[in-house]
Amino acid sequence: MNRRNRTPSVSGGVFLIGLGILVYTGWWWPGILLVIGLAGSAELILRGKYLAALTTFGFFAAIPLFVSADIPWHIIGPFILIAMGASAIFRSIGQPTEEDNSPAE
């Protein structure tokens, strides 16, 4: 079994352990975001992408800090989510697909 076949199992296991801790503690918000960040980081670490794993976990770990700050999230939050969604769409549009990389026949 190679490293790529283990990745979903490890990230799924980390997610389930985190979910169990959330059920036990009752800290659902923003605890679920930390669990998602940990699971995503575990997957990236197994793929050897250490900087991306650190960035992912740092992003998800910063969310509880922002939530506890006295910021009017009902105003700023939607704009942040819209900007993140638009950024993801533009990044995926700009990336070449497998069909673009195949040799012409």
PDB file of N, CA and C in Angstrom:
ATOM      1  N   MET A   1       0.847  -1.170   0.000  1.00  0.00           N
ATOM      2  CA  MET A   1       0.000   0.000   0.000  1.00  0.00           C
ATOM      3  C   MET A   1       0.894   1.234   0.000  1.00  0.00           C
ATOM      4  N   ASN A   2       0.704   2.109  -0.963  1.00  0.00           N
ATOM      5  CA  ASN A   2       1.565   3.278  -1.035  1.00  0.00           C
ATOM      6  C   ASN A   2       1.003   4.434  -0.214  1.00  0.00           C
ATOM      7  N   ARG A   3       1.740   5.519  -0.195  1.00  0.00           N
ATOM      8  CA  ARG A   3       1.401   6.669   0.643  1.00  0.00           C
ATOM      9  C   ARG A   3       0.074   7.308   0.234  1.00  0.00           C
ATOM     10  N   ARG A   4      -0.238   7.346  -1.029  1.00  0.00           N
ATOM     11  CA  ARG A   4      -1.480   7.990  -1.481  1.00  0.00           C
ATOM     12  C   ARG A   4      -2.719   7.231  -1.037  1.00  0.00           C
ATOM     13  N   ASN A   5      -2.634   5.922  -0.918  1.00  0.00           N
ATOM     14  CA  ASN A   5      -3.787   5.143  -0.464  1.00  0.00           C
ATOM     15  C   ASN A   5      -4.057   5.332   1.024  1.00  0.00           C
ATOM     16  N   ARG A   6      -3.037   5.654   1.814  1.00  0.00           N
ATOM     17  CA  ARG A   6      -3.204   5.858   3.253  1.00  0.00           C
ATOM     18  C   ARG A   6      -3.742   7.236   3.585  1.00  0.00           C
ATOM     19  N   THR A   7      -3.551   8.205   2.728  1.00  0.00           N
ATOM     20  CA  THR A   7      -3.875   9.590   3.041  1.00  0.00           C
ATOM     21  C   THR A   7      -5.327   9.790   3.452  1.00  0.00           C
ATOM     22  N   PRO A   8      -6.330   9.314   2.698  1.00  0.00           N
ATOM     23  CA  PRO A   8      -7.713   9.529   3.146  1.00  0.00           C
ATOM     24  C   PRO A   8      -8.006   8.844   4.474  1.00  0.00           C
ATOM     25  N   SER A   9      -7.373   7.699   4.730  1.00  0.00           N
ATOM     26  CA  SER A   9      -7.597   6.985   5.987  1.00  0.00           C
ATOM     27  C   SER A   9      -7.074   7.778   7.174  1.00  0.00           C
ATOM     28  N   VAL A  10      -5.885   8.363   7.029  1.00  0.00           N
ATOM     29  CA  VAL A  10      -5.295   9.118   8.126  1.00  0.00           C
ATOM     30  C   VAL A  10      -6.077  10.402   8.366  1.00  0.00           C
ATOM     31  N   SER A  11      -6.386  11.138   7.305  1.00  0.00           N
ATOM     32  CA  SER A  11      -7.129  12.390   7.500  1.00  0.00           C
ATOM     33  C   SER A  11      -8.534  12.100   8.022  1.00  0.00           C
ATOM     34  N   GLY A  12      -9.140  11.010   7.587  1.00  0.00           N
ATOM     35  CA  GLY A  12     -10.451  10.622   8.110  1.00  0.00           C
ATOM     36  C   GLY A  12     -10.379  10.219   9.566  1.00  0.00           C
ATOM     37  N   GLY A  13      -9.301   9.524   9.930  1.00  0.00           N
ATOM     38  CA  GLY A  13      -9.112   9.134  11.326  1.00  0.00           C
ATOM     39  C   GLY A  13      -8.905  10.340  12.226  1.00  0.00           C
ATOM     40  N   VAL A  14      -8.101  11.292  11.769  1.00  0.00           N
ATOM     41  CA  VAL A  14      -7.884  12.523  12.545  1.00  0.00           C
ATOM     42  C   VAL A  14      -9.203  13.275  12.700  1.00  0.00           C
ATOM     43  N   PHE A  15      -9.986  13.316  11.636  1.00  0.00           N
ATOM     44  CA  PHE A  15     -11.272  14.001  11.694  1.00  0.00           C
ATOM     45  C   PHE A  15     -12.204  13.327  12.705  1.00  0.00           C
ATOM     46  N   LEU A  16     -12.265  12.000  12.685  1.00  0.00           N
ATOM     47  CA  LEU A  16     -13.147  11.287  13.614  1.00  0.00           C
ATOM     48  C   LEU A  16     -12.705  11.447  15.066  1.00  0.00           C
ATOM     49  N   ILE A  17     -11.395  11.423  15.313  1.00  0.00           N
ATOM     50  CA  ILE A  17     -10.905  11.648  16.670  1.00  0.00           C
ATOM     51  C   ILE A  17     -11.282  13.055  17.134  1.00  0.00           C
ATOM     52  N   GLY A  18     -11.071  14.032  16.266  1.00  0.00           N
ATOM     53  CA  GLY A  18     -11.445  15.406  16.598  1.00  0.00           C
ATOM     54  C   GLY A  18     -12.930  15.558  16.829  1.00  0.00           C
ATOM     55  N   LEU A  19     -13.717  14.878  16.021  1.00  0.00           N
ATOM     56  CA  LEU A  19     -15.176  14.929  16.185  1.00  0.00           C
ATOM     57  C   LEU A  19     -15.585  14.320  17.526  1.00  0.00           C
ATOM     58  N   GLY A  20     -14.926  13.230  17.913  1.00  0.00           N
ATOM     59  CA  GLY A  20     -15.200  12.629  19.212  1.00  0.00           C
ATOM     60  C   GLY A  20     -14.867  13.573  20.356  1.00  0.00           C
ATOM     61  N   ILE A  21     -13.757  14.292  20.227  1.00  0.00           N
ATOM     62  CA  ILE A  21     -13.385  15.266  21.257  1.00  0.00           C
ATOM     63  C   ILE A  21     -14.416  16.389  21.321  1.00  0.00           C
ATOM     64  N   LEU A  22     -14.902  16.820  20.170  1.00  0.00           N
ATOM     65  CA  LEU A  22     -15.930  17.875  20.158  1.00  0.00           C
ATOM     66  C   LEU A  22     -17.221  17.405  20.812  1.00  0.00           C
ATOM     67  N   VAL A  23     -17.613  16.160  20.573  1.00  0.00           N
ATOM     68  CA  VAL A  23     -18.813  15.632  21.209  1.00  0.00           C
ATOM     69  C   VAL A  23     -18.630  15.604  22.722  1.00  0.00           C
ATOM     70  N   TYR A  24     -17.449  15.213  23.164  1.00  0.00           N
ATOM     71  CA  TYR A  24     -17.168  15.123  24.597  1.00  0.00           C
ATOM     72  C   TYR A  24     -17.146  16.507  25.257  1.00  0.00           C
ATOM     73  N   THR A  25     -16.497  17.472  24.602  1.00  0.00           N
ATOM     74  CA  THR A  25     -16.350  18.796  25.213  1.00  0.00           C
ATOM     75  C   THR A  25     -17.530  19.720  24.939  1.00  0.00           C
ATOM     76  N   GLY A  26     -18.240  19.485  23.836  1.00  0.00           N
ATOM     77  CA  GLY A  26     -19.351  20.358  23.466  1.00  0.00           C
ATOM     78  C   GLY A  26     -18.906  21.679  22.845  1.00  0.00           C
ATOM     79  N   TRP A  27     -17.647  21.800  22.475  1.00  0.00           N
ATOM     80  CA  TRP A  27     -17.106  23.035  21.911  1.00  0.00           C
ATOM     81  C   TRP A  27     -17.213  22.996  20.383  1.00  0.00           C
ATOM     82  N   TRP A  28     -18.432  23.042  19.853  1.00  0.00           N
ATOM     83  CA  TRP A  28     -18.663  22.867  18.423  1.00  0.00           C
ATOM     84  C   TRP A  28     -18.166  24.040  17.604  1.00  0.00           C
ATOM     85  N   TRP A  29     -18.450  25.241  18.064  1.00  0.00           N
ATOM     86  CA  TRP A  29     -18.013  26.404  17.298  1.00  0.00           C
ATOM     87  C   TRP A  29     -17.013  27.175  18.114  1.00  0.00           C
ATOM     88  N   PRO A  30     -15.894  27.443  17.647  1.00  0.00           N
ATOM     89  CA  PRO A  30     -15.279  27.150  16.351  1.00  0.00           C
ATOM     90  C   PRO A  30     -14.415  25.885  16.352  1.00  0.00           C
ATOM     91  N   GLY A  31     -14.660  24.983  17.305  1.00  0.00           N
ATOM     92  CA  GLY A  31     -13.877  23.759  17.390  1.00  0.00           C
ATOM     93  C   GLY A  31     -13.896  22.921  16.121  1.00  0.00           C
ATOM     94  N   ILE A  32     -15.021  22.911  15.420  1.00  0.00           N
ATOM     95  CA  ILE A  32     -15.109  22.125  14.185  1.00  0.00           C
ATOM     96  C   ILE A  32     -14.111  22.624  13.145  1.00  0.00           C
ATOM     97  N   LEU A  33     -13.824  23.919  13.172  1.00  0.00           N
ATOM     98  CA  LEU A  33     -12.853  24.462  12.221  1.00  0.00           C
ATOM     99  C   LEU A  33     -11.440  23.976  12.537  1.00  0.00           C
ATOM    100  N   LEU A  34     -11.124  23.857  13.802  1.00  0.00           N
ATOM    101  CA  LEU A  34      -9.819  23.303  14.173  1.00  0.00           C
ATOM    102  C   LEU A  34      -9.699  21.847  13.734  1.00  0.00           C
ATOM    103  N   VAL A  35     -10.775  21.096  13.877  1.00  0.00           N
ATOM    104  CA  VAL A  35     -10.760  19.684  13.462  1.00  0.00           C
ATOM    105  C   VAL A  35     -10.562  19.574  11.954  1.00  0.00           C
ATOM    106  N   ILE A  36     -11.241  20.409  11.194  1.00  0.00           N
ATOM    107  CA  ILE A  36     -11.082  20.403   9.738  1.00  0.00           C
ATOM    108  C   ILE A  36      -9.649  20.778   9.365  1.00  0.00           C
ATOM    109  N   GLY A  37      -9.102  21.778  10.041  1.00  0.00           N
ATOM    110  CA  GLY A  37      -7.722  22.180   9.780  1.00  0.00           C
ATOM    111  C   GLY A  37      -6.723  21.084  10.100  1.00  0.00           C
ATOM    112  N   LEU A  38      -6.930  20.384  11.208  1.00  0.00           N
ATOM    113  CA  LEU A  38      -6.036  19.282  11.571  1.00  0.00           C
ATOM    114  C   LEU A  38      -6.108  18.142  10.558  1.00  0.00           C
ATOM    115  N   ALA A  39      -7.314  17.797  10.141  1.00  0.00           N
ATOM    116  CA  ALA A  39      -7.462  16.709   9.166  1.00  0.00           C
ATOM    117  C   ALA A  39      -6.818  17.074   7.832  1.00  0.00           C
ATOM    118  N   GLY A  40      -7.043  18.298   7.378  1.00  0.00           N
ATOM    119  CA  GLY A  40      -6.430  18.739   6.122  1.00  0.00           C
ATOM    120  C   GLY A  40      -4.920  18.794   6.223  1.00  0.00           C
ATOM    121  N   SER A  41      -4.415  19.246   7.365  1.00  0.00           N
ATOM    122  CA  SER A  41      -2.971  19.314   7.564  1.00  0.00           C
ATOM    123  C   SER A  41      -2.350  17.920   7.607  1.00  0.00           C
ATOM    124  N   ALA A  42      -3.023  16.973   8.229  1.00  0.00           N
ATOM    125  CA  ALA A  42      -2.508  15.602   8.278  1.00  0.00           C
ATOM    126  C   ALA A  42      -2.368  15.025   6.871  1.00  0.00           C
ATOM    127  N   GLU A  43      -3.352  15.299   6.028  1.00  0.00           N
ATOM    128  CA  GLU A  43      -3.283  14.821   4.648  1.00  0.00           C
ATOM    129  C   GLU A  43      -2.105  15.444   3.910  1.00  0.00           C
ATOM    130  N   LEU A  44      -1.914  16.746   4.084  1.00  0.00           N
ATOM    131  CA  LEU A  44      -0.815  17.426   3.406  1.00  0.00           C
ATOM    132  C   LEU A  44       0.549  16.965   3.918  1.00  0.00           C
ATOM    133  N   ILE A  45       0.658  16.695   5.214  1.00  0.00           N
ATOM    134  CA  ILE A  45       1.924  16.203   5.771  1.00  0.00           C
ATOM    135  C   ILE A  45       2.285  14.854   5.160  1.00  0.00           C
ATOM    136  N   LEU A  46       1.304  13.968   5.006  1.00  0.00           N
ATOM    137  CA  LEU A  46       1.593  12.663   4.401  1.00  0.00           C
ATOM    138  C   LEU A  46       2.004  12.784   2.941  1.00  0.00           C
ATOM    139  N   ARG A  47       1.564  13.826   2.296  1.00  0.00           N
ATOM    140  CA  ARG A  47       1.970  14.053   0.896  1.00  0.00           C
ATOM    141  C   ARG A  47       3.313  14.763   0.800  1.00  0.00           C
ATOM    142  N   GLY A  48       3.875  15.142   1.959  1.00  0.00           N
ATOM    143  CA  GLY A  48       5.169  15.809   1.961  1.00  0.00           C
ATOM    144  C   GLY A  48       5.097  17.303   1.750  1.00  0.00           C
ATOM    145  N   LYS A  49       3.935  17.890   1.865  1.00  0.00           N
ATOM    146  CA  LYS A  49       3.751  19.330   1.665  1.00  0.00           C
ATOM    147  C   LYS A  49       3.658  20.011   3.029  1.00  0.00           C
ATOM    148  N   TYR A  50       4.830  20.181   3.663  1.00  0.00           N
ATOM    149  CA  TYR A  50       4.884  20.662   5.034  1.00  0.00           C
ATOM    150  C   TYR A  50       4.484  22.128   5.162  1.00  0.00           C
ATOM    151  N   LEU A  51       4.909  22.963   4.241  1.00  0.00           N
ATOM    152  CA  LEU A  51       4.555  24.380   4.313  1.00  0.00           C
ATOM    153  C   LEU A  51       3.057  24.576   4.102  1.00  0.00           C
ATOM    154  N   ALA A  52       2.488  23.844   3.164  1.00  0.00           N
ATOM    155  CA  ALA A  52       1.042  23.931   2.946  1.00  0.00           C
ATOM    156  C   ALA A  52       0.274  23.431   4.163  1.00  0.00           C
ATOM    157  N   ALA A  53       0.787  22.398   4.823  1.00  0.00           N
ATOM    158  CA  ALA A  53       0.143  21.880   6.034  1.00  0.00           C
ATOM    159  C   ALA A  53       0.178  22.918   7.143  1.00  0.00           C
ATOM    160  N   LEU A  54       1.318  23.567   7.315  1.00  0.00           N
ATOM    161  CA  LEU A  54       1.449  24.599   8.342  1.00  0.00           C
ATOM    162  C   LEU A  54       0.539  25.787   8.037  1.00  0.00           C
ATOM    163  N   THR A  55       0.474  26.183   6.790  1.00  0.00           N
ATOM    164  CA  THR A  55      -0.394  27.287   6.384  1.00  0.00           C
ATOM    165  C   THR A  55      -1.859  26.940   6.614  1.00  0.00           C
ATOM    166  N   THR A  56      -2.258  25.743   6.237  1.00  0.00           N
ATOM    167  CA  THR A  56      -3.638  25.312   6.426  1.00  0.00           C
ATOM    168  C   THR A  56      -4.022  25.300   7.890  1.00  0.00           C
ATOM    169  N   PHE A  57      -3.169  24.694   8.718  1.00  0.00           N
ATOM    170  CA  PHE A  57      -3.485  24.657  10.135  1.00  0.00           C
ATOM    171  C   PHE A  57      -3.468  26.053  10.746  1.00  0.00           C
ATOM    172  N   GLY A  58      -2.518  26.880  10.341  1.00  0.00           N
ATOM    173  CA  GLY A  58      -2.461  28.251  10.847  1.00  0.00           C
ATOM    174  C   GLY A  58      -3.710  29.033  10.523  1.00  0.00           C
ATOM    175  N   PHE A  59      -4.221  28.848   9.306  1.00  0.00           N
ATOM    176  CA  PHE A  59      -5.457  29.533   8.901  1.00  0.00           C
ATOM    177  C   PHE A  59      -6.632  29.090   9.763  1.00  0.00           C
ATOM    178  N   PHE A  60      -6.795  27.777   9.912  1.00  0.00           N
ATOM    179  CA  PHE A  60      -7.930  27.270  10.684  1.00  0.00           C
ATOM    180  C   PHE A  60      -7.768  27.523  12.186  1.00  0.00           C
ATOM    181  N   ALA A  61      -6.530  27.609  12.679  1.00  0.00           N
ATOM    182  CA  ALA A  61      -6.311  27.904  14.093  1.00  0.00           C
ATOM    183  C   ALA A  61      -6.535  29.382  14.392  1.00  0.00           C
ATOM    184  N   ALA A  62      -6.365  30.235  13.398  1.00  0.00           N
ATOM    185  CA  ALA A  62      -6.571  31.676  13.603  1.00  0.00           C
ATOM    186  C   ALA A  62      -8.056  32.032  13.687  1.00  0.00           C
ATOM    187  N   ILE A  63      -8.909  31.205  13.131  1.00  0.00           N
ATOM    188  CA  ILE A  63     -10.341  31.520  13.111  1.00  0.00           C
ATOM    189  C   ILE A  63     -10.913  31.676  14.521  1.00  0.00           C
ATOM    190  N   PRO A  64     -10.616  30.784  15.490  1.00  0.00           N
ATOM    191  CA  PRO A  64     -11.143  31.013  16.845  1.00  0.00           C
ATOM    192  C   PRO A  64     -10.683  32.333  17.458  1.00  0.00           C
ATOM    193  N   LEU A  65      -9.478  32.767  17.125  1.00  0.00           N
ATOM    194  CA  LEU A  65      -8.993  34.047  17.635  1.00  0.00           C
ATOM    195  C   LEU A  65      -9.815  35.204  17.070  1.00  0.00           C
ATOM    196  N   PHE A  66     -10.120  35.129  15.776  1.00  0.00           N
ATOM    197  CA  PHE A  66     -10.930  36.181  15.162  1.00  0.00           C
ATOM    198  C   PHE A  66     -12.367  36.153  15.666  1.00  0.00           C
ATOM    199  N   VAL A  67     -12.888  34.962  15.921  1.00  0.00           N
ATOM    200  CA  VAL A  67     -14.262  34.844  16.410  1.00  0.00           C
ATOM    201  C   VAL A  67     -14.391  35.483  17.792  1.00  0.00           C
ATOM    202  N   SER A  68     -13.370  35.311  18.622  1.00  0.00           N
ATOM    203  CA  SER A  68     -13.441  35.870  19.968  1.00  0.00           C
ATOM    204  C   SER A  68     -13.195  37.379  19.985  1.00  0.00           C
ATOM    205  N   ALA A  69     -12.660  37.941  18.901  1.00  0.00           N
ATOM    206  CA  ALA A  69     -12.425  39.385  18.827  1.00  0.00           C
ATOM    207  C   ALA A  69     -13.765  40.111  18.670  1.00  0.00           C
ATOM    208  N   ASP A  70     -13.778  41.355  19.052  1.00  0.00           N
ATOM    209  CA  ASP A  70     -15.005  42.154  18.987  1.00  0.00           C
ATOM    210  C   ASP A  70     -15.125  42.812  17.603  1.00  0.00           C
ATOM    211  N   ILE A  71     -15.457  41.989  16.611  1.00  0.00           N
ATOM    212  CA  ILE A  71     -15.569  42.434  15.221  1.00  0.00           C
ATOM    213  C   ILE A  71     -17.000  42.191  14.757  1.00  0.00           C
ATOM    214  N   PRO A  72     -17.600  43.128  14.036  1.00  0.00           N
ATOM    215  CA  PRO A  72     -18.980  42.923  13.552  1.00  0.00           C
ATOM    216  C   PRO A  72     -19.021  41.901  12.406  1.00  0.00           C
ATOM    217  N   TRP A  73     -19.007  40.608  12.759  1.00  0.00           N
ATOM    218  CA  TRP A  73     -18.914  39.545  11.760  1.00  0.00           C
ATOM    219  C   TRP A  73     -20.125  39.463  10.856  1.00  0.00           C
ATOM    220  N   HIS A  74     -21.269  39.899  11.320  1.00  0.00           N
ATOM    221  CA  HIS A  74     -22.453  39.841  10.456  1.00  0.00           C
ATOM    222  C   HIS A  74     -22.323  40.780   9.265  1.00  0.00           C
ATOM    223  N   ILE A  75     -21.395  41.726   9.326  1.00  0.00           N
ATOM    224  CA  ILE A  75     -21.148  42.639   8.200  1.00  0.00           C
ATOM    225  C   ILE A  75     -19.924  42.196   7.407  1.00  0.00           C
ATOM    226  N   ILE A  76     -18.827  41.911   8.099  1.00  0.00           N
ATOM    227  CA  ILE A  76     -17.560  41.607   7.439  1.00  0.00           C
ATOM    228  C   ILE A  76     -17.497  40.155   6.955  1.00  0.00           C
ATOM    229  N   GLY A  77     -18.090  39.236   7.703  1.00  0.00           N
ATOM    230  CA  GLY A  77     -18.018  37.814   7.386  1.00  0.00           C
ATOM    231  C   GLY A  77     -18.461  37.443   5.978  1.00  0.00           C
ATOM    232  N   PRO A  78     -19.635  37.916   5.524  1.00  0.00           N
ATOM    233  CA  PRO A  78     -20.053  37.553   4.169  1.00  0.00           C
ATOM    234  C   PRO A  78     -19.077  38.009   3.092  1.00  0.00           C
ATOM    235  N   PHE A  79     -18.484  39.186   3.251  1.00  0.00           N
ATOM    236  CA  PHE A  79     -17.534  39.661   2.251  1.00  0.00           C
ATOM    237  C   PHE A  79     -16.264  38.820   2.234  1.00  0.00           C
ATOM    238  N   ILE A  80     -15.832  38.376   3.398  1.00  0.00           N
ATOM    239  CA  ILE A  80     -14.653  37.509   3.458  1.00  0.00           C
ATOM    240  C   ILE A  80     -14.946  36.179   2.758  1.00  0.00           C
ATOM    241  N   LEU A  81     -16.111  35.592   3.032  1.00  0.00           N
ATOM    242  CA  LEU A  81     -16.474  34.323   2.395  1.00  0.00           C
ATOM    243  C   LEU A  81     -16.610  34.463   0.882  1.00  0.00           C
ATOM    244  N   ILE A  82     -17.216  35.567   0.432  1.00  0.00           N
ATOM    245  CA  ILE A  82     -17.363  35.802  -1.009  1.00  0.00           C
ATOM    246  C   ILE A  82     -15.990  35.947  -1.659  1.00  0.00           C
ATOM    247  N   ALA A  83     -15.076  36.673  -1.023  1.00  0.00           N
ATOM    248  CA  ALA A  83     -13.736  36.851  -1.578  1.00  0.00           C
ATOM    249  C   ALA A  83     -12.985  35.523  -1.635  1.00  0.00           C
ATOM    250  N   MET A  84     -13.122  34.700  -0.596  1.00  0.00           N
ATOM    251  CA  MET A  84     -12.452  33.400  -0.601  1.00  0.00           C
ATOM    252  C   MET A  84     -13.014  32.494  -1.695  1.00  0.00           C
ATOM    253  N   GLY A  85     -14.320  32.501  -1.873  1.00  0.00           N
ATOM    254  CA  GLY A  85     -14.934  31.696  -2.922  1.00  0.00           C
ATOM    255  C   GLY A  85     -14.519  32.147  -4.308  1.00  0.00           C
ATOM    256  N   ALA A  86     -14.506  33.456  -4.529  1.00  0.00           N
ATOM    257  CA  ALA A  86     -14.090  33.987  -5.831  1.00  0.00           C
ATOM    258  C   ALA A  86     -12.626  33.649  -6.098  1.00  0.00           C
ATOM    259  N   SER A  87     -11.791  33.745  -5.071  1.00  0.00           N
ATOM    260  CA  SER A  87     -10.379  33.410  -5.224  1.00  0.00           C
ATOM    261  C   SER A  87     -10.206  31.944  -5.614  1.00  0.00           C
ATOM    262  N   ALA A  88     -10.961  31.056  -4.981  1.00  0.00           N
ATOM    263  CA  ALA A  88     -10.874  29.628  -5.313  1.00  0.00           C
ATOM    264  C   ALA A  88     -11.311  29.374  -6.752  1.00  0.00           C
ATOM    265  N   ILE A  89     -12.350  30.047  -7.184  1.00  0.00           N
ATOM    266  CA  ILE A  89     -12.825  29.872  -8.563  1.00  0.00           C
ATOM    267  C   ILE A  89     -11.783  30.368  -9.557  1.00  0.00           C
ATOM    268  N   PHE A  90     -11.227  31.547  -9.321  1.00  0.00           N
ATOM    269  CA  PHE A  90     -10.239  32.093 -10.249  1.00  0.00           C
ATOM    270  C   PHE A  90      -8.977  31.252 -10.302  1.00  0.00           C
ATOM    271  N   ARG A  91      -8.563  30.701  -9.158  1.00  0.00           N
ATOM    272  CA  ARG A  91      -7.384  29.823  -9.152  1.00  0.00           C
ATOM    273  C   ARG A  91      -7.641  28.561  -9.959  1.00  0.00           C
ATOM    274  N   SER A  92      -8.842  27.983  -9.818  1.00  0.00           N
ATOM    275  CA  SER A  92      -9.125  26.741 -10.542  1.00  0.00           C
ATOM    276  C   SER A  92      -9.294  26.990 -12.038  1.00  0.00           C
ATOM    277  N   ILE A  93      -9.762  28.150 -12.414  1.00  0.00           N
ATOM    278  CA  ILE A  93      -9.901  28.474 -13.834  1.00  0.00           C
ATOM    279  C   ILE A  93      -8.533  28.665 -14.467  1.00  0.00           C
ATOM    280  N   GLY A  94      -7.600  29.243 -13.722  1.00  0.00           N
ATOM    281  CA  GLY A  94      -6.270  29.528 -14.249  1.00  0.00           C
ATOM    282  C   GLY A  94      -5.364  28.321 -14.340  1.00  0.00           C
ATOM    283  N   GLN A  95      -5.695  27.215 -13.671  1.00  0.00           N
ATOM    284  CA  GLN A  95      -4.838  26.029 -13.700  1.00  0.00           C
ATOM    285  C   GLN A  95      -5.133  25.196 -14.938  1.00  0.00           C
ATOM    286  N   PRO A  96      -4.074  24.681 -15.583  1.00  0.00           N
ATOM    287  CA  PRO A  96      -4.302  23.817 -16.748  1.00  0.00           C
ATOM    288  C   PRO A  96      -4.872  22.468 -16.313  1.00  0.00           C
ATOM    289  N   THR A  97      -5.724  21.916 -17.136  1.00  0.00           N
ATOM    290  CA  THR A  97      -6.296  20.601 -16.854  1.00  0.00           C
ATOM    291  C   THR A  97      -5.422  19.529 -17.473  1.00  0.00           C
ATOM    292  N   GLU A  98      -5.735  18.258 -17.212  1.00  0.00           N
ATOM    293  CA  GLU A  98      -4.976  17.155 -17.786  1.00  0.00           C
ATOM    294  C   GLU A  98      -5.118  17.134 -19.306  1.00  0.00           C
ATOM    295  N   GLU A  99      -6.273  17.543 -19.795  1.00  0.00           N
ATOM    296  CA  GLU A  99      -6.486  17.571 -21.245  1.00  0.00           C
ATOM    297  C   GLU A  99      -5.575  18.591 -21.904  1.00  0.00           C
ATOM    298  N   ASP A 100      -5.324  19.731 -21.197  1.00  0.00           N
ATOM    299  CA  ASP A 100      -4.438  20.758 -21.748  1.00  0.00           C
ATOM    300  C   ASP A 100      -2.998  20.290 -21.802  1.00  0.00           C
ATOM    301  N   ASN A 101      -2.611  19.382 -20.900  1.00  0.00           N
ATOM    302  CA  ASN A 101      -1.224  18.906 -20.846  1.00  0.00           C
ATOM    303  C   ASN A 101      -0.963  17.711 -21.750  1.00  0.00           C
ATOM    304  N   SER A 102      -2.006  17.106 -22.307  1.00  0.00           N
ATOM    305  CA  SER A 102      -1.803  15.928 -23.146  1.00  0.00           C
ATOM    306  C   SER A 102      -1.260  16.352 -24.510  1.00  0.00           C
ATOM    307  N   PRO A 103      -0.435  15.490 -25.121  1.00  0.00           N
ATOM    308  CA  PRO A 103       0.113  15.823 -26.444  1.00  0.00           C
ATOM    309  C   PRO A 103      -0.979  15.833 -27.498  1.00  0.00           C
ATOM    310  N   ALA A 104      -0.838  16.731 -28.452  1.00  0.00           N
ATOM    311  CA  ALA A 104      -1.818  16.843 -29.538  1.00  0.00           C
ATOM    312  C   ALA A 104      -1.691  15.647 -30.467  1.00  0.00           C
ATOM    313  N   GLU A 105      -2.810  15.179 -30.956  1.00  0.00           N
ATOM    314  CA  GLU A 105      -2.787  14.017 -31.858  1.00  0.00           C
ATOM    315  C   GLU A 105      -2.899  14.464 -33.288  1.00  0.00           C
TER     316      GLU A 105
END
